[in-house]
Amino acid sequence: MNMPNIHLTNLEISLAAAALAVILFVVLVVYKRHRNIKTAAFKTRFGSEYDRAVVTHGSSQKAESKLADRQTRVEALKIRELGPAEHERFLAQWAGVQSRFVDHPKAAVTEADDLINALLLARGYPQNGFDQRAADVSVTYPAVMENYRLANSVAVRPGRIDATTEELRTAMIQYRGVFDELIQPLTTSVVTHAA
């Protein structure tokens, strides 16, 4: 079978190259817009946790991939509401922890850390190491993650490297913020992501 000879003029070649350039430009603009929208959604959803992930993983694309993996993992968990009795029990336990802070600040901060862990377990978060637990919690409660990490670093500090009274007081305030978020009923967006 003979192929017909196609002879293109310089003008036709130039027009084809220009059309290809325009198509590539449009594709690039659409891709960039899609990436910007996706990045904005991750920043809105994860807040400072997004920035932390970018620093940890070296790029926004790698960070977004890891954050998406977190979301998928947490969606598979059975995150649940606390029952009324559990809710009241945790509130009473928190009041006890806070009341012990004046006389035993280091012990109270350690108890606050234990109580947060028990609350997370009751809500359905698995009892993994701190880093995995923090990653899981960041999907549902990204706004408290920085406080959670800072307070935990004081709570688990080895005994011979004593925290100052101010560090313990700050950790207790940070744990209070985390506790206040975790004790609240799940929001609609959280239920949607966790269902």
C-alpha atoms as a PDB file:
ATOM      1  CA  MET A   1       0.000   0.000   0.000  1.00  0.00           C
ATOM      2  CA  ASN A   2       1.463   3.311  -0.988  1.00  0.00           C
ATOM      3  CA  MET A   3       1.281   6.137   1.458  1.00  0.00           C
ATOM      4  CA  PRO A   4       0.417   9.437  -0.103  1.00  0.00           C
ATOM      5  CA  ASN A   5       3.161  11.996   0.028  1.00  0.00           C
ATOM      6  CA  ILE A   6       2.222  14.793   2.305  1.00  0.00           C
ATOM      7  CA  HIS A   7       3.915  18.049   1.631  1.00  0.00           C
ATOM      8  CA  LEU A   8       3.508  20.700   4.242  1.00  0.00           C
ATOM      9  CA  THR A   9       4.451  24.255   3.639  1.00  0.00           C
ATOM     10  CA  ASN A  10       6.465  26.212   6.128  1.00  0.00           C
ATOM     11  CA  LEU A  11       3.335  28.136   7.037  1.00  0.00           C
ATOM     12  CA  GLU A  12       1.410  24.937   7.775  1.00  0.00           C
ATOM     13  CA  ILE A  13       4.276  23.585   9.912  1.00  0.00           C
ATOM     14  CA  SER A  14       4.442  26.877  11.798  1.00  0.00           C
ATOM     15  CA  LEU A  15       0.686  26.876  12.386  1.00  0.00           C
ATOM     16  CA  ALA A  16       0.770  23.246  13.619  1.00  0.00           C
ATOM     17  CA  ALA A  17       3.658  24.048  15.989  1.00  0.00           C
ATOM     18  CA  ALA A  18       1.809  27.116  17.292  1.00  0.00           C
ATOM     19  CA  ALA A  19      -1.373  25.069  17.828  1.00  0.00           C
ATOM     20  CA  LEU A  20       0.607  22.413  19.682  1.00  0.00           C
ATOM     21  CA  ALA A  21       2.244  25.074  21.856  1.00  0.00           C
ATOM     22  CA  VAL A  22      -1.170  26.565  22.694  1.00  0.00           C
ATOM     23  CA  ILE A  23      -2.553  23.127  23.588  1.00  0.00           C
ATOM     24  CA  LEU A  24       0.459  22.379  25.800  1.00  0.00           C
ATOM     25  CA  PHE A  25       0.122  25.776  27.478  1.00  0.00           C
ATOM     26  CA  VAL A  26      -3.598  25.190  28.196  1.00  0.00           C
ATOM     27  CA  VAL A  27      -2.854  21.707  29.594  1.00  0.00           C
ATOM     28  CA  LEU A  28      -0.122  23.163  31.809  1.00  0.00           C
ATOM     29  CA  VAL A  29      -2.401  25.951  33.076  1.00  0.00           C
ATOM     30  CA  VAL A  30      -5.214  23.461  33.835  1.00  0.00           C
ATOM     31  CA  TYR A  31      -2.786  21.128  35.628  1.00  0.00           C
ATOM     32  CA  LYS A  32      -1.304  23.990  37.672  1.00  0.00           C
ATOM     33  CA  ARG A  33      -4.786  25.216  38.618  1.00  0.00           C
ATOM     34  CA  HIS A  34      -5.788  21.702  39.665  1.00  0.00           C
ATOM     35  CA  ARG A  35      -2.625  21.384  41.819  1.00  0.00           C
ATOM     36  CA  ASN A  36      -3.279  24.786  43.428  1.00  0.00           C
ATOM     37  CA  ILE A  37      -6.867  23.833  44.276  1.00  0.00           C
ATOM     38  CA  LYS A  38      -5.726  20.480  45.669  1.00  0.00           C
ATOM     39  CA  THR A  39      -2.972  22.114  47.726  1.00  0.00           C
ATOM     40  CA  ALA A  40      -5.378  24.752  49.057  1.00  0.00           C
ATOM     41  CA  ALA A  41      -7.788  22.000  50.119  1.00  0.00           C
ATOM     42  CA  PHE A  42      -5.023  20.163  51.993  1.00  0.00           C
ATOM     43  CA  LYS A  43      -3.857  23.404  53.646  1.00  0.00           C
ATOM     44  CA  THR A  44      -7.398  24.211  54.730  1.00  0.00           C
ATOM     45  CA  ARG A  45      -8.031  20.688  56.015  1.00  0.00           C
ATOM     46  CA  PHE A  46      -4.718  20.184  57.843  1.00  0.00           C
ATOM     47  CA  GLY A  47      -3.558  23.724  58.711  1.00  0.00           C
ATOM     48  CA  SER A  48      -0.106  23.757  60.292  1.00  0.00           C
ATOM     49  CA  GLU A  49       0.005  19.971  59.992  1.00  0.00           C
ATOM     50  CA  TYR A  50       0.273  20.492  56.213  1.00  0.00           C
ATOM     51  CA  ASP A  51       3.339  22.693  56.663  1.00  0.00           C
ATOM     52  CA  ARG A  52       4.868  20.130  59.008  1.00  0.00           C
ATOM     53  CA  ALA A  53       4.302  17.373  56.419  1.00  0.00           C
ATOM     54  CA  VAL A  54       5.934  19.463  53.663  1.00  0.00           C
ATOM     55  CA  VAL A  55       9.030  19.988  55.825  1.00  0.00           C
ATOM     56  CA  THR A  56       9.107  16.309  56.838  1.00  0.00           C
ATOM     57  CA  HIS A  57       8.639  14.896  53.336  1.00  0.00           C
ATOM     58  CA  GLY A  58      10.471  17.554  51.314  1.00  0.00           C
ATOM     59  CA  SER A  59       7.784  18.617  48.847  1.00  0.00           C
ATOM     60  CA  SER A  60       4.116  19.512  48.728  1.00  0.00           C
ATOM     61  CA  GLN A  61       3.321  16.578  46.432  1.00  0.00           C
ATOM     62  CA  LYS A  62       4.937  14.029  48.763  1.00  0.00           C
ATOM     63  CA  ALA A  63       3.299  15.680  51.785  1.00  0.00           C
ATOM     64  CA  GLU A  64      -0.125  15.605  50.124  1.00  0.00           C
ATOM     65  CA  SER A  65       0.337  11.949  49.268  1.00  0.00           C
ATOM     66  CA  LYS A  66       1.197  11.124  52.892  1.00  0.00           C
ATOM     67  CA  LEU A  67      -1.708  13.208  54.200  1.00  0.00           C
ATOM     68  CA  ALA A  68      -4.066  11.449  51.776  1.00  0.00           C
ATOM     69  CA  ASP A  69      -2.750   8.117  53.097  1.00  0.00           C
ATOM     70  CA  ARG A  70      -3.552   9.309  56.631  1.00  0.00           C
ATOM     71  CA  GLN A  71      -7.088  10.182  55.583  1.00  0.00           C
ATOM     72  CA  THR A  72      -7.578   6.758  54.018  1.00  0.00           C
ATOM     73  CA  ARG A  73      -6.246   5.041  57.142  1.00  0.00           C
ATOM     74  CA  VAL A  74      -8.489   7.034  59.487  1.00  0.00           C
ATOM     75  CA  GLU A  75     -11.548   6.509  57.288  1.00  0.00           C
ATOM     76  CA  ALA A  76     -11.081   2.768  57.860  1.00  0.00           C
ATOM     77  CA  LEU A  77     -11.058   3.215  61.657  1.00  0.00           C
ATOM     78  CA  LYS A  78     -14.217   3.007  63.714  1.00  0.00           C
ATOM     79  CA  ILE A  79     -14.078   6.500  65.235  1.00  0.00           C
ATOM     80  CA  ARG A  80     -17.120   6.939  67.430  1.00  0.00           C
ATOM     81  CA  GLU A  81     -18.932   9.272  69.770  1.00  0.00           C
ATOM     82  CA  LEU A  82     -18.557   8.869  73.500  1.00  0.00           C
ATOM     83  CA  GLY A  83     -21.626   7.635  75.322  1.00  0.00           C
ATOM     84  CA  PRO A  84     -23.085   9.956  78.004  1.00  0.00           C
ATOM     85  CA  ALA A  85     -21.592   7.898  80.844  1.00  0.00           C
ATOM     86  CA  GLU A  86     -18.149   7.844  79.193  1.00  0.00           C
ATOM     87  CA  HIS A  87     -18.352  11.572  78.534  1.00  0.00           C
ATOM     88  CA  GLU A  88     -19.097  12.312  82.197  1.00  0.00           C
ATOM     89  CA  ARG A  89     -16.417   9.880  83.391  1.00  0.00           C
ATOM     90  CA  PHE A  90     -13.746  11.561  81.253  1.00  0.00           C
ATOM     91  CA  LEU A  91     -14.831  15.019  82.426  1.00  0.00           C
ATOM     92  CA  ALA A  92     -14.569  13.869  86.060  1.00  0.00           C
ATOM     93  CA  GLN A  93     -11.160  12.313  85.433  1.00  0.00           C
ATOM     94  CA  TRP A  94      -9.928  15.516  83.815  1.00  0.00           C
ATOM     95  CA  ALA A  95     -11.132  17.558  86.806  1.00  0.00           C
ATOM     96  CA  GLY A  96      -9.157  15.202  89.082  1.00  0.00           C
ATOM     97  CA  VAL A  97      -6.007  15.543  86.976  1.00  0.00           C
ATOM     98  CA  GLN A  98      -6.283  19.328  86.996  1.00  0.00           C
ATOM     99  CA  SER A  99      -6.823  19.442  90.767  1.00  0.00           C
ATOM    100  CA  ARG A 100      -3.614  17.449  91.359  1.00  0.00           C
ATOM    101  CA  PHE A 101      -1.518  19.816  89.255  1.00  0.00           C
ATOM    102  CA  VAL A 102      -0.888  22.321  92.068  1.00  0.00           C
ATOM    103  CA  ASP A 103       0.692  19.769  94.415  1.00  0.00           C
ATOM    104  CA  HIS A 104       2.143  17.333  91.842  1.00  0.00           C
ATOM    105  CA  PRO A 105       2.657  19.096  88.495  1.00  0.00           C
ATOM    106  CA  LYS A 106       4.883  16.460  86.816  1.00  0.00           C
ATOM    107  CA  ALA A 107       2.577  13.600  87.852  1.00  0.00           C
ATOM    108  CA  ALA A 108      -0.490  15.578  86.714  1.00  0.00           C
ATOM    109  CA  VAL A 109       1.012  16.199  83.264  1.00  0.00           C
ATOM    110  CA  THR A 110       1.835  12.489  82.952  1.00  0.00           C
ATOM    111  CA  GLU A 111      -1.741  11.663  84.031  1.00  0.00           C
ATOM    112  CA  ALA A 112      -3.078  14.162  81.467  1.00  0.00           C
ATOM    113  CA  ASP A 113      -1.097  12.367  78.760  1.00  0.00           C
ATOM    114  CA  ASP A 114      -2.482   9.009  79.926  1.00  0.00           C
ATOM    115  CA  LEU A 115      -6.022  10.414  80.011  1.00  0.00           C
ATOM    116  CA  ILE A 116      -5.725  11.765  76.451  1.00  0.00           C
ATOM    117  CA  ASN A 117      -4.525   8.317  75.349  1.00  0.00           C
ATOM    118  CA  ALA A 118      -7.473   6.642  77.111  1.00  0.00           C
ATOM    119  CA  LEU A 119      -9.876   9.127  75.522  1.00  0.00           C
ATOM    120  CA  LEU A 120      -8.446   8.464  72.067  1.00  0.00           C
ATOM    121  CA  LEU A 121      -8.732   4.732  72.622  1.00  0.00           C
ATOM    122  CA  ALA A 122     -12.357   5.122  73.741  1.00  0.00           C
ATOM    123  CA  ARG A 123     -13.088   7.153  70.586  1.00  0.00           C
ATOM    124  CA  GLY A 124     -11.718   4.323  68.417  1.00  0.00           C
ATOM    125  CA  TYR A 125      -8.157   5.378  67.649  1.00  0.00           C
ATOM    126  CA  PRO A 126      -5.766   2.421  67.809  1.00  0.00           C
ATOM    127  CA  GLN A 127      -3.159   2.329  70.532  1.00  0.00           C
ATOM    128  CA  ASN A 128      -0.028   2.656  68.417  1.00  0.00           C
ATOM    129  CA  GLY A 129       3.137   4.582  69.077  1.00  0.00           C
ATOM    130  CA  PHE A 130       2.836   8.309  69.585  1.00  0.00           C
ATOM    131  CA  ASP A 131       3.853   9.261  66.035  1.00  0.00           C
ATOM    132  CA  GLN A 132       1.218   7.037  64.413  1.00  0.00           C
ATOM    133  CA  ARG A 133      -1.428   8.118  66.935  1.00  0.00           C
ATOM    134  CA  ALA A 134      -0.595  11.781  66.282  1.00  0.00           C
ATOM    135  CA  ALA A 135      -0.802  11.205  62.512  1.00  0.00           C
ATOM    136  CA  ASP A 136      -4.213   9.541  62.936  1.00  0.00           C
ATOM    137  CA  VAL A 137      -5.532  12.285  65.209  1.00  0.00           C
ATOM    138  CA  SER A 138      -4.273  14.979  62.820  1.00  0.00           C
ATOM    139  CA  VAL A 139      -6.866  13.925  60.244  1.00  0.00           C
ATOM    140  CA  THR A 140      -9.778  14.676  62.561  1.00  0.00           C
ATOM    141  CA  TYR A 141      -8.280  17.301  64.861  1.00  0.00           C
ATOM    142  CA  PRO A 142      -5.482  19.105  62.966  1.00  0.00           C
ATOM    143  CA  ALA A 143      -5.878  22.333  64.952  1.00  0.00           C
ATOM    144  CA  VAL A 144      -4.678  20.762  68.222  1.00  0.00           C
ATOM    145  CA  MET A 145      -1.769  18.751  66.865  1.00  0.00           C
ATOM    146  CA  GLU A 146       0.993  21.220  67.682  1.00  0.00           C
ATOM    147  CA  ASN A 147      -0.218  21.478  71.289  1.00  0.00           C
ATOM    148  CA  TYR A 148      -0.554  17.690  71.503  1.00  0.00           C
ATOM    149  CA  ARG A 149       3.016  17.142  70.316  1.00  0.00           C
ATOM    150  CA  LEU A 150       4.476  19.834  72.581  1.00  0.00           C
ATOM    151  CA  ALA A 151       2.601  18.656  75.665  1.00  0.00           C
ATOM    152  CA  ASN A 152       3.542  15.040  75.000  1.00  0.00           C
ATOM    153  CA  SER A 153       7.221  15.974  74.679  1.00  0.00           C
ATOM    154  CA  VAL A 154       7.077  17.392  78.212  1.00  0.00           C
ATOM    155  CA  ALA A 155       5.058  14.456  79.588  1.00  0.00           C
ATOM    156  CA  VAL A 156       7.447  11.800  78.310  1.00  0.00           C
ATOM    157  CA  ARG A 157      10.637  13.671  79.119  1.00  0.00           C
ATOM    158  CA  PRO A 158      12.982  11.422  81.114  1.00  0.00           C
ATOM    159  CA  GLY A 159      13.013  12.104  84.865  1.00  0.00           C
ATOM    160  CA  ARG A 160      16.604  13.305  85.040  1.00  0.00           C
ATOM    161  CA  ILE A 161      15.820  16.076  82.538  1.00  0.00           C
ATOM    162  CA  ASP A 162      13.182  17.747  84.648  1.00  0.00           C
ATOM    163  CA  ALA A 163      10.735  20.100  83.039  1.00  0.00           C
ATOM    164  CA  THR A 164      10.474  23.534  84.569  1.00  0.00           C
ATOM    165  CA  THR A 165       7.306  24.563  86.366  1.00  0.00           C
ATOM    166  CA  GLU A 166       6.503  26.859  83.447  1.00  0.00           C
ATOM    167  CA  GLU A 167       6.934  24.026  80.926  1.00  0.00           C
ATOM    168  CA  LEU A 168       4.640  21.811  83.017  1.00  0.00           C
ATOM    169  CA  ARG A 169       2.051  24.595  83.313  1.00  0.00           C
ATOM    170  CA  THR A 170       2.172  25.182  79.555  1.00  0.00           C
ATOM    171  CA  ALA A 171       1.877  21.437  78.870  1.00  0.00           C
ATOM    172  CA  MET A 172      -1.160  21.238  81.137  1.00  0.00           C
ATOM    173  CA  ILE A 173      -2.816  24.146  79.280  1.00  0.00           C
ATOM    174  CA  GLN A 174      -1.989  22.472  75.959  1.00  0.00           C
ATOM    175  CA  TYR A 175      -3.450  19.171  77.142  1.00  0.00           C
ATOM    176  CA  ARG A 176      -6.565  21.027  78.265  1.00  0.00           C
ATOM    177  CA  GLY A 177      -7.049  22.346  74.722  1.00  0.00           C
ATOM    178  CA  VAL A 178      -6.566  18.874  73.276  1.00  0.00           C
ATOM    179  CA  PHE A 179      -8.951  17.362  75.822  1.00  0.00           C
ATOM    180  CA  ASP A 180     -11.594  20.018  75.119  1.00  0.00           C
ATOM    181  CA  GLU A 181     -11.505  19.157  71.390  1.00  0.00           C
ATOM    182  CA  LEU A 182     -11.494  15.392  71.851  1.00  0.00           C
ATOM    183  CA  ILE A 183     -14.387  15.371  74.324  1.00  0.00           C
ATOM    184  CA  GLN A 184     -16.699  17.216  71.906  1.00  0.00           C
ATOM    185  CA  PRO A 185     -19.150  15.338  69.674  1.00  0.00           C
ATOM    186  CA  LEU A 186     -17.848  14.606  66.193  1.00  0.00           C
ATOM    187  CA  THR A 187     -18.675  17.248  63.605  1.00  0.00           C
ATOM    188  CA  THR A 188     -20.492  16.353  60.393  1.00  0.00           C
ATOM    189  CA  SER A 189     -17.286  16.623  58.340  1.00  0.00           C
ATOM    190  CA  VAL A 190     -15.462  14.351  60.795  1.00  0.00           C
ATOM    191  CA  VAL A 191     -18.276  11.805  60.732  1.00  0.00           C
ATOM    192  CA  THR A 192     -18.220  11.901  56.925  1.00  0.00           C
ATOM    193  CA  HIS A 193     -14.468  11.302  56.847  1.00  0.00           C
ATOM    194  CA  ALA A 194     -14.614   8.636  59.554  1.00  0.00           C
ATOM    195  CA  ALA A 195     -17.632   6.752  58.249  1.00  0.00           C
END
